[in-house]
C-alpha atoms as a PDB file:
ATOM      1  CA  MET A   1     133.301  92.944  94.540  1.00  0.00           C
ATOM      2  CA  ASN A   2     135.058  96.293  94.920  1.00  0.00           C
ATOM      3  CA  ALA A   3     132.420  98.913  95.651  1.00  0.00           C
ATOM      4  CA  SER A   4     134.656 101.646  94.279  1.00  0.00           C
ATOM      5  CA  ARG A   5     133.785 100.431  90.796  1.00  0.00           C
ATOM      6  CA  PHE A   6     130.327 101.982  91.062  1.00  0.00           C
ATOM      7  CA  THR A   7     129.486 105.524  90.113  1.00  0.00           C
ATOM      8  CA  ASN A   8     126.090 107.210  90.271  1.00  0.00           C
ATOM      9  CA  PRO A   9     124.581 106.722  86.785  1.00  0.00           C
ATOM     10  CA  SER A  10     121.892 108.996  85.405  1.00  0.00           C
ATOM     11  CA  ASP A  11     118.222 108.031  85.173  1.00  0.00           C
ATOM     12  CA  ARG A  12     118.608 107.853  81.386  1.00  0.00           C
ATOM     13  CA  ALA A  13     121.462 105.374  81.711  1.00  0.00           C
ATOM     14  CA  TYR A  14     119.485 103.280  84.228  1.00  0.00           C
ATOM     15  CA  ASP A  15     116.473 103.188  81.897  1.00  0.00           C
ATOM     16  CA  GLU A  16     118.575 102.155  78.914  1.00  0.00           C
ATOM     17  CA  ALA A  17     120.500  99.593  80.971  1.00  0.00           C
ATOM     18  CA  ALA A  18     117.199  98.132  82.170  1.00  0.00           C
ATOM     19  CA  LEU A  19     116.012  97.817  78.577  1.00  0.00           C
ATOM     20  CA  TRP A  20     119.237  96.037  77.661  1.00  0.00           C
ATOM     21  CA  TYR A  21     118.924  93.810  80.726  1.00  0.00           C
ATOM     22  CA  ALA A  22     115.466  92.681  79.622  1.00  0.00           C
ATOM     23  CA  ARG A  23     116.716  91.890  76.123  1.00  0.00           C
ATOM     24  CA  HIS A  24     119.937  90.276  77.379  1.00  0.00           C
ATOM     25  CA  HIS A  25     118.033  87.860  79.619  1.00  0.00           C
ATOM     26  CA  SER A  26     115.234  87.154  77.155  1.00  0.00           C
ATOM     27  CA  GLY A  27     117.343  84.487  75.463  1.00  0.00           C
ATOM     28  CA  ASN A  28     116.739  85.629  71.886  1.00  0.00           C
ATOM     29  CA  MET A  29     119.015  88.595  71.198  1.00  0.00           C
ATOM     30  CA  THR A  30     119.914  88.875  67.535  1.00  0.00           C
ATOM     31  CA  ALA A  31     123.465  89.367  66.289  1.00  0.00           C
ATOM     32  CA  GLU A  32     122.596  92.981  65.501  1.00  0.00           C
ATOM     33  CA  GLU A  33     121.365  93.531  69.038  1.00  0.00           C
ATOM     34  CA  VAL A  34     124.513  91.997  70.519  1.00  0.00           C
ATOM     35  CA  SER A  35     126.571  94.401  68.414  1.00  0.00           C
ATOM     36  CA  ALA A  36     124.365  97.351  69.400  1.00  0.00           C
ATOM     37  CA  PHE A  37     124.701  96.406  73.074  1.00  0.00           C
ATOM     38  CA  GLY A  38     128.465  96.460  72.798  1.00  0.00           C
ATOM     39  CA  ALA A  39     128.355  99.848  71.117  1.00  0.00           C
ATOM     40  CA  TRP A  40     126.068 101.186  73.845  1.00  0.00           C
ATOM     41  CA  GLN A  41     128.481 100.049  76.557  1.00  0.00           C
ATOM     42  CA  ALA A  42     131.443 101.578  74.726  1.00  0.00           C
ATOM     43  CA  GLU A  43     129.601 104.862  74.272  1.00  0.00           C
ATOM     44  CA  ALA A  44     129.930 106.192  77.843  1.00  0.00           C
ATOM     45  CA  GLU A  45     131.132 105.302  81.336  1.00  0.00           C
ATOM     46  CA  ASP A  46     127.641 106.279  82.551  1.00  0.00           C
ATOM     47  CA  ASN A  47     126.195 103.406  80.509  1.00  0.00           C
ATOM     48  CA  ARG A  48     128.749 100.918  81.796  1.00  0.00           C
ATOM     49  CA  ALA A  49     128.176 102.012  85.406  1.00  0.00           C
ATOM     50  CA  ALA A  50     124.396 101.627  85.028  1.00  0.00           C
ATOM     51  CA  TRP A  51     124.807  98.145  83.546  1.00  0.00           C
ATOM     52  CA  ARG A  52     127.167  97.087  86.364  1.00  0.00           C
ATOM     53  CA  ALA A  53     124.729  98.445  88.942  1.00  0.00           C
ATOM     54  CA  ILE A  54     121.757  96.518  87.577  1.00  0.00           C
ATOM     55  CA  ASP A  55     123.685  93.315  86.936  1.00  0.00           C
ATOM     56  CA  SER A  56     125.449  93.356  90.321  1.00  0.00           C
ATOM     57  CA  ALA A  57     122.286  94.181  92.220  1.00  0.00           C
ATOM     58  CA  HIS A  58     120.555  91.263  90.544  1.00  0.00           C
ATOM     59  CA  HIS A  59     123.247  88.811  91.618  1.00  0.00           C
ATOM     60  CA  ALA A  60     123.679  90.318  95.080  1.00  0.00           C
ATOM     61  CA  ALA A  61     119.955  90.178  95.782  1.00  0.00           C
ATOM     62  CA  GLY A  62     120.002  86.528  94.843  1.00  0.00           C
ATOM     63  CA  SER A  63     116.449  85.981  93.704  1.00  0.00           C
ATOM     64  CA  VAL A  64     115.086  89.148  92.145  1.00  0.00           C
ATOM     65  CA  ALA A  65     114.597  87.229  88.910  1.00  0.00           C
ATOM     66  CA  ASN A  66     112.155  84.973  90.716  1.00  0.00           C
ATOM     67  CA  PHE A  67     109.699  87.799  91.416  1.00  0.00           C
ATOM     68  CA  PRO A  68     106.383  87.148  89.630  1.00  0.00           C
ATOM     69  CA  GLU A  69     106.714  90.626  88.090  1.00  0.00           C
ATOM     70  CA  MET A  70     110.129  89.734  86.647  1.00  0.00           C
ATOM     71  CA  ALA A  71     108.828  86.483  85.180  1.00  0.00           C
ATOM     72  CA  VAL A  72     106.138  88.416  83.339  1.00  0.00           C
ATOM     73  CA  LEU A  73     108.595  91.044  82.126  1.00  0.00           C
ATOM     74  CA  LEU A  74     111.071  88.511  80.798  1.00  0.00           C
ATOM     75  CA  GLU A  75     108.274  86.627  79.073  1.00  0.00           C
ATOM     76  CA  GLU A  76     107.252  89.863  77.364  1.00  0.00           C
ATOM     77  CA  ALA A  77     110.855  90.499  76.384  1.00  0.00           C
ATOM     78  CA  ARG A  78     111.049  87.062  74.764  1.00  0.00           C
ATOM     79  CA  GLY A  79     107.979  87.605  72.644  1.00  0.00           C
ATOM     80  CA  ARG A  80     107.715  91.313  71.929  1.00  0.00           C
ATOM     81  CA  ARG A  81     109.962  93.904  70.290  1.00  0.00           C
ATOM     82  CA  GLY A  82     109.620  97.592  69.703  1.00  0.00           C
ATOM     83  CA  ALA A  83     110.255  99.448  66.479  1.00  0.00           C
ATOM     84  CA  ARG A  84     114.013  99.441  67.089  1.00  0.00           C
ATOM     85  CA  GLY A  85     114.216  95.730  67.848  1.00  0.00           C
ATOM     86  CA  PHE A  86     114.113  96.141  71.621  1.00  0.00           C
ATOM     87  CA  ALA A  87     111.590  95.020  74.193  1.00  0.00           C
ATOM     88  CA  PRO A  88     108.995  97.782  74.749  1.00  0.00           C
ATOM     89  CA  TRP A  89     109.826 100.672  77.083  1.00  0.00           C
ATOM     90  CA  GLN A  90     107.164  99.230  79.360  1.00  0.00           C
ATOM     91  CA  VAL A  91     109.503  96.314  80.028  1.00  0.00           C
ATOM     92  CA  ALA A  92     112.492  98.592  80.461  1.00  0.00           C
ATOM     93  CA  ALA A  93     110.794 100.817  82.991  1.00  0.00           C
ATOM     94  CA  SER A  94     109.511  97.942  85.085  1.00  0.00           C
ATOM     95  CA  VAL A  95     112.817  96.083  85.056  1.00  0.00           C
ATOM     96  CA  ALA A  96     114.485  99.319  86.106  1.00  0.00           C
ATOM     97  CA  LEU A  97     112.120  99.437  89.052  1.00  0.00           C
ATOM     98  CA  LEU A  98     112.963  95.944  90.254  1.00  0.00           C
ATOM     99  CA  LEU A  99     116.692  95.990  89.617  1.00  0.00           C
ATOM    100  CA  THR A 100     117.822  99.568  90.107  1.00  0.00           C
ATOM    101  CA  GLY A 101     115.603  99.530  93.157  1.00  0.00           C
ATOM    102  CA  ALA A 102     117.544  96.554  94.453  1.00  0.00           C
ATOM    103  CA  SER A 103     120.794  98.393  93.814  1.00  0.00           C
ATOM    104  CA  ALA A 104     119.525 101.579  95.368  1.00  0.00           C
ATOM    105  CA  ILE A 105     118.794  99.981  98.717  1.00  0.00           C
ATOM    106  CA  GLY A 106     122.510 100.242  99.236  1.00  0.00           C
ATOM    107  CA  LEU A 107     124.356  99.062  96.195  1.00  0.00           C
ATOM    108  CA  TYR A 108     127.685 100.142  97.555  1.00  0.00           C
ATOM    109  CA  GLY A 109     127.265  97.925 100.596  1.00  0.00           C
ATOM    110  CA  LEU A 110     125.012  95.275  99.101  1.00  0.00           C
ATOM    111  CA  ALA A 111     127.412  94.215  96.401  1.00  0.00           C
ATOM    112  CA  SER A 112     130.183  93.588  98.938  1.00  0.00           C
ATOM    113  CA  ARG A 113     128.182  91.660 101.557  1.00  0.00           C
ATOM    114  CA  GLN A 114     128.836  87.959 102.001  1.00  0.00           C
ATOM    115  CA  SER A 115     125.116  87.181 102.054  1.00  0.00           C
ATOM    116  CA  ALA A 116     122.532  89.449 100.483  1.00  0.00           C
ATOM    117  CA  ALA A 117     119.165  90.254 102.025  1.00  0.00           C
ATOM    118  CA  PRO A 118     116.255  88.219 100.643  1.00  0.00           C
ATOM    119  CA  ALA A 119     114.765  89.716  97.478  1.00  0.00           C
ATOM    120  CA  SER A 120     111.368  89.914  99.177  1.00  0.00           C
ATOM    121  CA  ALA A 121     112.827  92.529 101.529  1.00  0.00           C
ATOM    122  CA  LEU A 122     113.735  94.801  98.634  1.00  0.00           C
ATOM    123  CA  VAL A 123     110.197  95.583  97.487  1.00  0.00           C
ATOM    124  CA  GLN A 124     107.262  96.488  99.685  1.00  0.00           C
ATOM    125  CA  THR A 125     103.922  96.131  97.934  1.00  0.00           C
ATOM    126  CA  TYR A 126     100.620  97.846  98.753  1.00  0.00           C
ATOM    127  CA  ARG A 127      97.327  96.925  97.088  1.00  0.00           C
ATOM    128  CA  THR A 128      93.684  97.939  97.133  1.00  0.00           C
ATOM    129  CA  GLY A 129      90.645  95.957  96.043  1.00  0.00           C
ATOM    130  CA  ILE A 130      87.656  97.129  94.021  1.00  0.00           C
ATOM    131  CA  GLY A 131      86.102 100.179  95.665  1.00  0.00           C
ATOM    132  CA  GLU A 132      88.797 100.342  98.341  1.00  0.00           C
ATOM    133  CA  ARG A 133      90.893 103.399  99.185  1.00  0.00           C
ATOM    134  CA  LYS A 134      94.012 103.188 101.353  1.00  0.00           C
ATOM    135  CA  THR A 135      96.395 105.798 102.805  1.00  0.00           C
ATOM    136  CA  ILE A 136     100.027 104.902 103.480  1.00  0.00           C
ATOM    137  CA  THR A 137     102.765 106.919 105.184  1.00  0.00           C
ATOM    138  CA  LEU A 138     106.166 106.057 103.758  1.00  0.00           C
ATOM    139  CA  ALA A 139     109.401 105.968 105.732  1.00  0.00           C
ATOM    140  CA  ASP A 140     110.418 109.447 104.521  1.00  0.00           C
ATOM    141  CA  GLY A 141     107.130 110.991 105.676  1.00  0.00           C
ATOM    142  CA  SER A 142     105.537 111.110 102.226  1.00  0.00           C
ATOM    143  CA  VAL A 143     101.851 110.141 102.204  1.00  0.00           C
ATOM    144  CA  VAL A 144     100.331 108.017  99.440  1.00  0.00           C
ATOM    145  CA  THR A 145      96.615 107.432  98.891  1.00  0.00           C
ATOM    146  CA  LEU A 146      95.823 104.432  96.706  1.00  0.00           C
ATOM    147  CA  ASP A 147      92.611 104.466  94.701  1.00  0.00           C
ATOM    148  CA  THR A 148      90.503 101.439  93.755  1.00  0.00           C
ATOM    149  CA  SER A 149      92.217  98.323  92.329  1.00  0.00           C
ATOM    150  CA  SER A 150      95.718  99.745  92.584  1.00  0.00           C
ATOM    151  CA  THR A 151      99.152  98.260  93.221  1.00  0.00           C
ATOM    152  CA  LEU A 152     102.200 100.214  94.368  1.00  0.00           C
ATOM    153  CA  ASN A 153     105.715  98.848  94.876  1.00  0.00           C
ATOM    154  CA  VAL A 154     107.950 100.843  97.222  1.00  0.00           C
ATOM    155  CA  LEU A 155     111.748 100.697  97.331  1.00  0.00           C
ATOM    156  CA  HIS A 156     114.038 102.658  99.662  1.00  0.00           C
ATOM    157  CA  TRP A 157     117.658 103.680  99.148  1.00  0.00           C
ATOM    158  CA  ALA A 158     120.133 106.442  99.785  1.00  0.00           C
ATOM    159  CA  THR A 159     120.238 108.689  96.737  1.00  0.00           C
ATOM    160  CA  GLU A 160     116.603 108.796  95.595  1.00  0.00           C
ATOM    161  CA  ARG A 161     113.110 107.672  96.579  1.00  0.00           C
ATOM    162  CA  ARG A 162     111.552 105.512  93.862  1.00  0.00           C
ATOM    163  CA  VAL A 163     108.171 103.807  93.763  1.00  0.00           C
ATOM    164  CA  SER A 164     106.373 101.978  90.975  1.00  0.00           C
ATOM    165  CA  LEU A 165     102.689 102.317  90.237  1.00  0.00           C
ATOM    166  CA  VAL A 166     102.077  98.879  88.735  1.00  0.00           C
ATOM    167  CA  GLY A 167      98.399  99.573  88.066  1.00  0.00           C
ATOM    168  CA  GLY A 168      95.531 101.816  89.109  1.00  0.00           C
ATOM    169  CA  GLU A 169      95.912 105.294  90.584  1.00  0.00           C
ATOM    170  CA  ALA A 170      97.642 106.944  93.529  1.00  0.00           C
ATOM    171  CA  PHE A 171      97.894 110.427  95.001  1.00  0.00           C
ATOM    172  CA  PHE A 172     101.273 111.440  96.393  1.00  0.00           C
ATOM    173  CA  ARG A 173     101.945 114.159  98.959  1.00  0.00           C
ATOM    174  CA  VAL A 174     105.712 114.172  98.908  1.00  0.00           C
ATOM    175  CA  ALA A 175     107.876 115.128 101.889  1.00  0.00           C
ATOM    176  CA  LYS A 176     110.500 117.717 100.981  1.00  0.00           C
ATOM    177  CA  ASP A 177     114.030 116.383 100.601  1.00  0.00           C
ATOM    178  CA  ALA A 178     116.107 118.317  98.082  1.00  0.00           C
ATOM    179  CA  ALA A 179     118.902 115.753  98.258  1.00  0.00           C
ATOM    180  CA  ARG A 180     116.678 112.813  97.321  1.00  0.00           C
ATOM    181  CA  PRO A 181     114.186 113.272  94.488  1.00  0.00           C
ATOM    182  CA  PHE A 182     110.916 111.350  94.668  1.00  0.00           C
ATOM    183  CA  ILE A 183     110.242 109.331  91.514  1.00  0.00           C
ATOM    184  CA  VAL A 184     107.016 107.569  90.567  1.00  0.00           C
ATOM    185  CA  GLN A 185     107.650 105.048  87.836  1.00  0.00           C
ATOM    186  CA  THR A 186     105.003 103.584  85.531  1.00  0.00           C
ATOM    187  CA  ALA A 187     105.344 101.149  82.666  1.00  0.00           C
ATOM    188  CA  SER A 188     105.702 103.929  80.110  1.00  0.00           C
ATOM    189  CA  GLY A 189     107.273 106.873  81.927  1.00  0.00           C
ATOM    190  CA  ASN A 190     108.104 108.450  85.266  1.00  0.00           C
ATOM    191  CA  VAL A 191     107.299 111.516  87.348  1.00  0.00           C
ATOM    192  CA  ARG A 192     109.967 113.295  89.416  1.00  0.00           C
ATOM    193  CA  ALA A 193     109.239 115.660  92.310  1.00  0.00           C
ATOM    194  CA  LEU A 194     111.084 117.157  95.293  1.00  0.00           C
ATOM    195  CA  GLY A 195     108.150 118.241  97.456  1.00  0.00           C
ATOM    196  CA  THR A 196     104.724 118.438  95.906  1.00  0.00           C
ATOM    197  CA  ALA A 197     101.277 116.847  95.587  1.00  0.00           C
ATOM    198  CA  PHE A 198     100.070 115.020  92.497  1.00  0.00           C
ATOM    199  CA  SER A 199      98.275 111.929  91.249  1.00  0.00           C
ATOM    200  CA  VAL A 200      99.422 109.312  88.759  1.00  0.00           C
ATOM    201  CA  ARG A 201      97.122 106.863  86.996  1.00  0.00           C
ATOM    202  CA  THR A 202      98.007 104.043  84.632  1.00  0.00           C
ATOM    203  CA  ILE A 203      95.829 103.897  81.516  1.00  0.00           C
ATOM    204  CA  ASP A 204      96.112 101.183  78.879  1.00  0.00           C
ATOM    205  CA  ARG A 205      99.474 101.789  77.184  1.00  0.00           C
ATOM    206  CA  GLY A 206     100.219 105.024  79.015  1.00  0.00           C
ATOM    207  CA  PHE A 207      99.541 107.075  82.128  1.00  0.00           C
ATOM    208  CA  ARG A 208      98.072 110.329  83.423  1.00  0.00           C
ATOM    209  CA  VAL A 209      99.550 112.880  85.832  1.00  0.00           C
ATOM    210  CA  ALA A 210      97.495 115.545  87.639  1.00  0.00           C
ATOM    211  CA  LEU A 211      99.396 118.155  89.664  1.00  0.00           C
ATOM    212  CA  THR A 212      97.756 120.027  92.543  1.00  0.00           C
ATOM    213  CA  GLU A 213     100.804 121.581  94.281  1.00  0.00           C
ATOM    214  CA  GLY A 214     104.427 122.317  93.425  1.00  0.00           C
ATOM    215  CA  LYS A 215     106.128 121.189  90.232  1.00  0.00           C
ATOM    216  CA  VAL A 216     106.894 117.839  88.644  1.00  0.00           C
ATOM    217  CA  ARG A 217     108.878 116.702  85.639  1.00  0.00           C
ATOM    218  CA  VAL A 218     107.310 113.965  83.540  1.00  0.00           C
ATOM    219  CA  ALA A 219     109.665 111.796  81.485  1.00  0.00           C
ATOM    220  CA  ILE A 220     108.366 109.686  78.596  1.00  0.00           C
ATOM    221  CA  PRO A 221     111.330 107.727  77.201  1.00  0.00           C
ATOM    222  CA  ALA A 222     109.462 106.333  74.186  1.00  0.00           C
ATOM    223  CA  GLU A 223     108.786 109.888  72.977  1.00  0.00           C
ATOM    224  CA  GLU A 224     112.137 111.269  74.190  1.00  0.00           C
ATOM    225  CA  SER A 225     110.046 113.841  76.031  1.00  0.00           C
ATOM    226  CA  GLN A 226     110.523 115.793  79.273  1.00  0.00           C
ATOM    227  CA  GLU A 227     107.439 117.773  80.360  1.00  0.00           C
ATOM    228  CA  MET A 228     107.192 120.211  83.285  1.00  0.00           C
ATOM    229  CA  LEU A 229     103.804 120.654  84.979  1.00  0.00           C
ATOM    230  CA  THR A 230     102.594 123.465  87.223  1.00  0.00           C
ATOM    231  CA  PRO A 231      99.651 123.349  89.691  1.00  0.00           C
ATOM    232  CA  GLY A 232      96.283 122.621  88.130  1.00  0.00           C
ATOM    233  CA  GLN A 233      97.724 121.035  85.011  1.00  0.00           C
ATOM    234  CA  MET A 234      97.204 117.473  83.836  1.00  0.00           C
ATOM    235  CA  LEU A 235      99.182 115.464  81.325  1.00  0.00           C
ATOM    236  CA  THR A 236      97.940 112.313  79.597  1.00  0.00           C
ATOM    237  CA  TYR A 237     100.024 109.932  77.503  1.00  0.00           C
ATOM    238  CA  ASP A 238      98.177 107.128  75.694  1.00  0.00           C
ATOM    239  CA  GLY A 239     101.214 105.369  74.277  1.00  0.00           C
ATOM    240  CA  ALA A 240     101.249 107.520  71.151  1.00  0.00           C
ATOM    241  CA  VAL A 241     100.148 111.095  71.878  1.00  0.00           C
ATOM    242  CA  ILE A 242     100.947 113.468  74.756  1.00  0.00           C
ATOM    243  CA  ARG A 243      98.062 115.745  75.759  1.00  0.00           C
ATOM    244  CA  ARG A 244      98.255 118.596  78.274  1.00  0.00           C
ATOM    245  CA  ASN A 245      95.193 119.988  80.038  1.00  0.00           C
ATOM    246  CA  LEU A 246      95.767 123.338  81.749  1.00  0.00           C
ATOM    247  CA  ASP A 247      93.015 122.977  84.359  1.00  0.00           C
ATOM    248  CA  GLY A 248      92.123 119.293  84.639  1.00  0.00           C
ATOM    249  CA  ALA A 249      93.846 118.372  87.898  1.00  0.00           C
ATOM    250  CA  GLU A 250      91.017 119.325  90.267  1.00  0.00           C
ATOM    251  CA  LYS A 251      88.452 117.128  88.522  1.00  0.00           C
ATOM    252  CA  ALA A 252      90.929 114.272  88.105  1.00  0.00           C
ATOM    253  CA  THR A 253      91.608 114.100  91.843  1.00  0.00           C
ATOM    254  CA  ARG A 254      88.021 114.312  93.128  1.00  0.00           C
ATOM    255  CA  TRP A 255      88.151 110.561  93.767  1.00  0.00           C
ATOM    256  CA  LEU A 256      90.038 111.492  96.949  1.00  0.00           C
ATOM    257  CA  SER A 257      86.697 112.715  98.330  1.00  0.00           C
ATOM    258  CA  GLY A 258      84.771 109.796  96.835  1.00  0.00           C
ATOM    259  CA  GLU A 259      83.444 111.613  93.772  1.00  0.00           C
ATOM    260  CA  LEU A 260      83.739 111.210  90.011  1.00  0.00           C
ATOM    261  CA  VAL A 261      83.291 114.274  87.814  1.00  0.00           C
ATOM    262  CA  PHE A 262      82.132 113.756  84.233  1.00  0.00           C
ATOM    263  CA  GLN A 263      82.121 116.712  81.849  1.00  0.00           C
ATOM    264  CA  ASN A 264      80.987 115.915  78.297  1.00  0.00           C
ATOM    265  CA  VAL A 265      82.119 112.304  78.717  1.00  0.00           C
ATOM    266  CA  ALA A 266      80.768 109.521  76.484  1.00  0.00           C
ATOM    267  CA  ILE A 267      78.296 107.224  78.273  1.00  0.00           C
ATOM    268  CA  ALA A 268      80.474 104.215  77.490  1.00  0.00           C
ATOM    269  CA  ASP A 269      83.527 105.889  79.059  1.00  0.00           C
ATOM    270  CA  ALA A 270      81.557 106.980  82.129  1.00  0.00           C
ATOM    271  CA  ILE A 271      80.339 103.402  82.572  1.00  0.00           C
ATOM    272  CA  ALA A 272      83.909 102.117  82.398  1.00  0.00           C
ATOM    273  CA  GLU A 273      84.938 104.613  85.080  1.00  0.00           C
ATOM    274  CA  MET A 274      82.028 103.708  87.373  1.00  0.00           C
ATOM    275  CA  ASN A 275      82.878 100.025  86.986  1.00  0.00           C
ATOM    276  CA  ARG A 276      86.324 100.592  88.497  1.00  0.00           C
ATOM    277  CA  TYR A 277      84.673 101.207  91.871  1.00  0.00           C
ATOM    278  CA  SER A 278      81.944  98.568  91.983  1.00  0.00           C
ATOM    279  CA  THR A 279      81.729  94.787  91.939  1.00  0.00           C
ATOM    280  CA  ARG A 280      78.264  95.127  90.376  1.00  0.00           C
ATOM    281  CA  LYS A 281      79.162  95.924  86.798  1.00  0.00           C
ATOM    282  CA  LEU A 282      77.399  98.053  84.216  1.00  0.00           C
ATOM    283  CA  LEU A 283      77.271  96.702  80.676  1.00  0.00           C
ATOM    284  CA  TRP A 284      76.416  98.811  77.657  1.00  0.00           C
ATOM    285  CA  ALA A 285      74.320  96.643  75.311  1.00  0.00           C
ATOM    286  CA  GLY A 286      73.078  99.488  73.132  1.00  0.00           C
ATOM    287  CA  ASP A 287      74.447 100.536  69.784  1.00  0.00           C
ATOM    288  CA  THR A 288      77.811 102.256  69.546  1.00  0.00           C
ATOM    289  CA  THR A 289      76.431 105.620  68.492  1.00  0.00           C
ATOM    290  CA  ALA A 290      74.135 105.863  71.525  1.00  0.00           C
ATOM    291  CA  GLY A 291      77.048 104.876  73.757  1.00  0.00           C
ATOM    292  CA  GLN A 292      78.946 107.960  72.545  1.00  0.00           C
ATOM    293  CA  ARG A 293      76.304 110.431  73.743  1.00  0.00           C
ATOM    294  CA  LYS A 294      77.868 112.908  76.154  1.00  0.00           C
ATOM    295  CA  LEU A 295      77.180 112.945  79.867  1.00  0.00           C
ATOM    296  CA  SER A 296      77.954 115.551  82.548  1.00  0.00           C
ATOM    297  CA  GLY A 297      77.506 115.149  86.267  1.00  0.00           C
ATOM    298  CA  VAL A 298      79.083 114.355  89.639  1.00  0.00           C
ATOM    299  CA  PHE A 299      78.565 110.871  91.091  1.00  0.00           C
ATOM    300  CA  LYS A 300      79.677 109.015  94.185  1.00  0.00           C
ATOM    301  CA  THR A 301      82.224 106.299  93.534  1.00  0.00           C
ATOM    302  CA  GLY A 302      80.589 102.884  93.655  1.00  0.00           C
ATOM    303  CA  ASP A 303      77.026 104.260  93.568  1.00  0.00           C
ATOM    304  CA  VAL A 304      75.801 102.321  90.548  1.00  0.00           C
ATOM    305  CA  HIS A 305      72.130 102.726  91.484  1.00  0.00           C
ATOM    306  CA  THR A 306      72.181 106.545  91.405  1.00  0.00           C
ATOM    307  CA  PHE A 307      74.227 106.583  88.203  1.00  0.00           C
ATOM    308  CA  VAL A 308      71.713 104.346  86.405  1.00  0.00           C
ATOM    309  CA  ARG A 309      68.789 106.437  87.687  1.00  0.00           C
ATOM    310  CA  ALA A 310      70.482 109.577  86.362  1.00  0.00           C
ATOM    311  CA  LEU A 311      70.968 108.057  82.903  1.00  0.00           C
ATOM    312  CA  SER A 312      67.320 107.124  82.872  1.00  0.00           C
ATOM    313  CA  ALA A 313      66.236 110.587  84.058  1.00  0.00           C
ATOM    314  CA  TYR A 314      68.382 112.211  81.364  1.00  0.00           C
ATOM    315  CA  GLY A 315      66.667 110.023  78.760  1.00  0.00           C
ATOM    316  CA  MET A 316      70.031 108.553  77.792  1.00  0.00           C
ATOM    317  CA  ALA A 317      69.645 104.894  78.784  1.00  0.00           C
ATOM    318  CA  ARG A 318      67.321 102.322  80.280  1.00  0.00           C
ATOM    319  CA  ILE A 319      67.804  98.986  81.993  1.00  0.00           C
ATOM    320  CA  GLN A 320      67.439  96.002  79.698  1.00  0.00           C
ATOM    321  CA  THR A 321      68.161  93.337  82.315  1.00  0.00           C
ATOM    322  CA  GLU A 322      69.747  93.292  85.751  1.00  0.00           C
ATOM    323  CA  ASN A 323      70.798  90.921  88.494  1.00  0.00           C
ATOM    324  CA  ALA A 324      73.042  90.992  91.556  1.00  0.00           C
ATOM    325  CA  ALA A 325      76.204  90.907  89.437  1.00  0.00           C
ATOM    326  CA  GLU A 326      75.425  93.289  86.584  1.00  0.00           C
ATOM    327  CA  VAL A 327      73.102  95.836  85.032  1.00  0.00           C
ATOM    328  CA  LYS A 328      72.704  95.732  81.248  1.00  0.00           C
ATOM    329  CA  LEU A 329      71.883  99.102  79.691  1.00  0.00           C
ATOM    330  CA  VAL A 330      70.621 100.125  76.259  1.00  0.00           C
ATOM    331  CA  GLY A 331      69.783 103.480  74.724  1.00  0.00           C
ATOM    332  CA  ALA A 332      66.520 105.021  75.879  1.00  0.00           C
END
């Protein structure tokens, strides 16, 4: 294949091409979608270049479609559609990670090689277990700290540095490189930085960004939103609403020092957060109203014993039953 065919498509075009790729390979595109796909390609050379990049990278890599992640994504694309008849943006973003990442490793050279590198070489995956924290230094000098139960996929290529937070939370201290932006992609949006420090956490249908240094731009395709954050700010997207907190970043990143900060947090939500760090789970067996009582305090991650003692001391909960695997709590 002639490498001169490829241009450098925009992030928007890559995201849209990834969405179309998911639908195209789902096996159940409607006639209307086929027509809309053709119109999208005809709309701009940027769109056509992005589609060629994703499609060519897929074939050049040989077996990207056999990744477990891709199997899940295509299964979702077969069974789920968004309001406009497409697969959800979650699918689009994740497919973009796997396929534009494959292209970005060196699309210009990759597409013209006689034999492509194995797909397993295109993605490097880091994981942490429950209660585990891990620090990774990437090839560009950026440092990533993974929080409990987190998965990060890392891809390297010439024009940008892109990683995907598949689940959990990570703190990024990004090495400065004005020529290559650093992009953290989640299932429902991405965060772009040049040289800065921030955390990203996946939450249900959305994600949360907390910025401690520098500036980042947060893109949420489903809302057609671009948000700029400055130090100390936090942005949360729950799949429907974007919320900005002007001073929430410090509390949100205290897990880096092994602490969780609760400020007027419902007991049920605090329990869910504590459970992320411990194999011995807390279960709220009390009534819903009591579970919404507000709690404030600072607790060590994984320290279930002290947390339960504090609830008891506050007169907010008591132990109903407990064993090695779980502690069942009810209102005091």
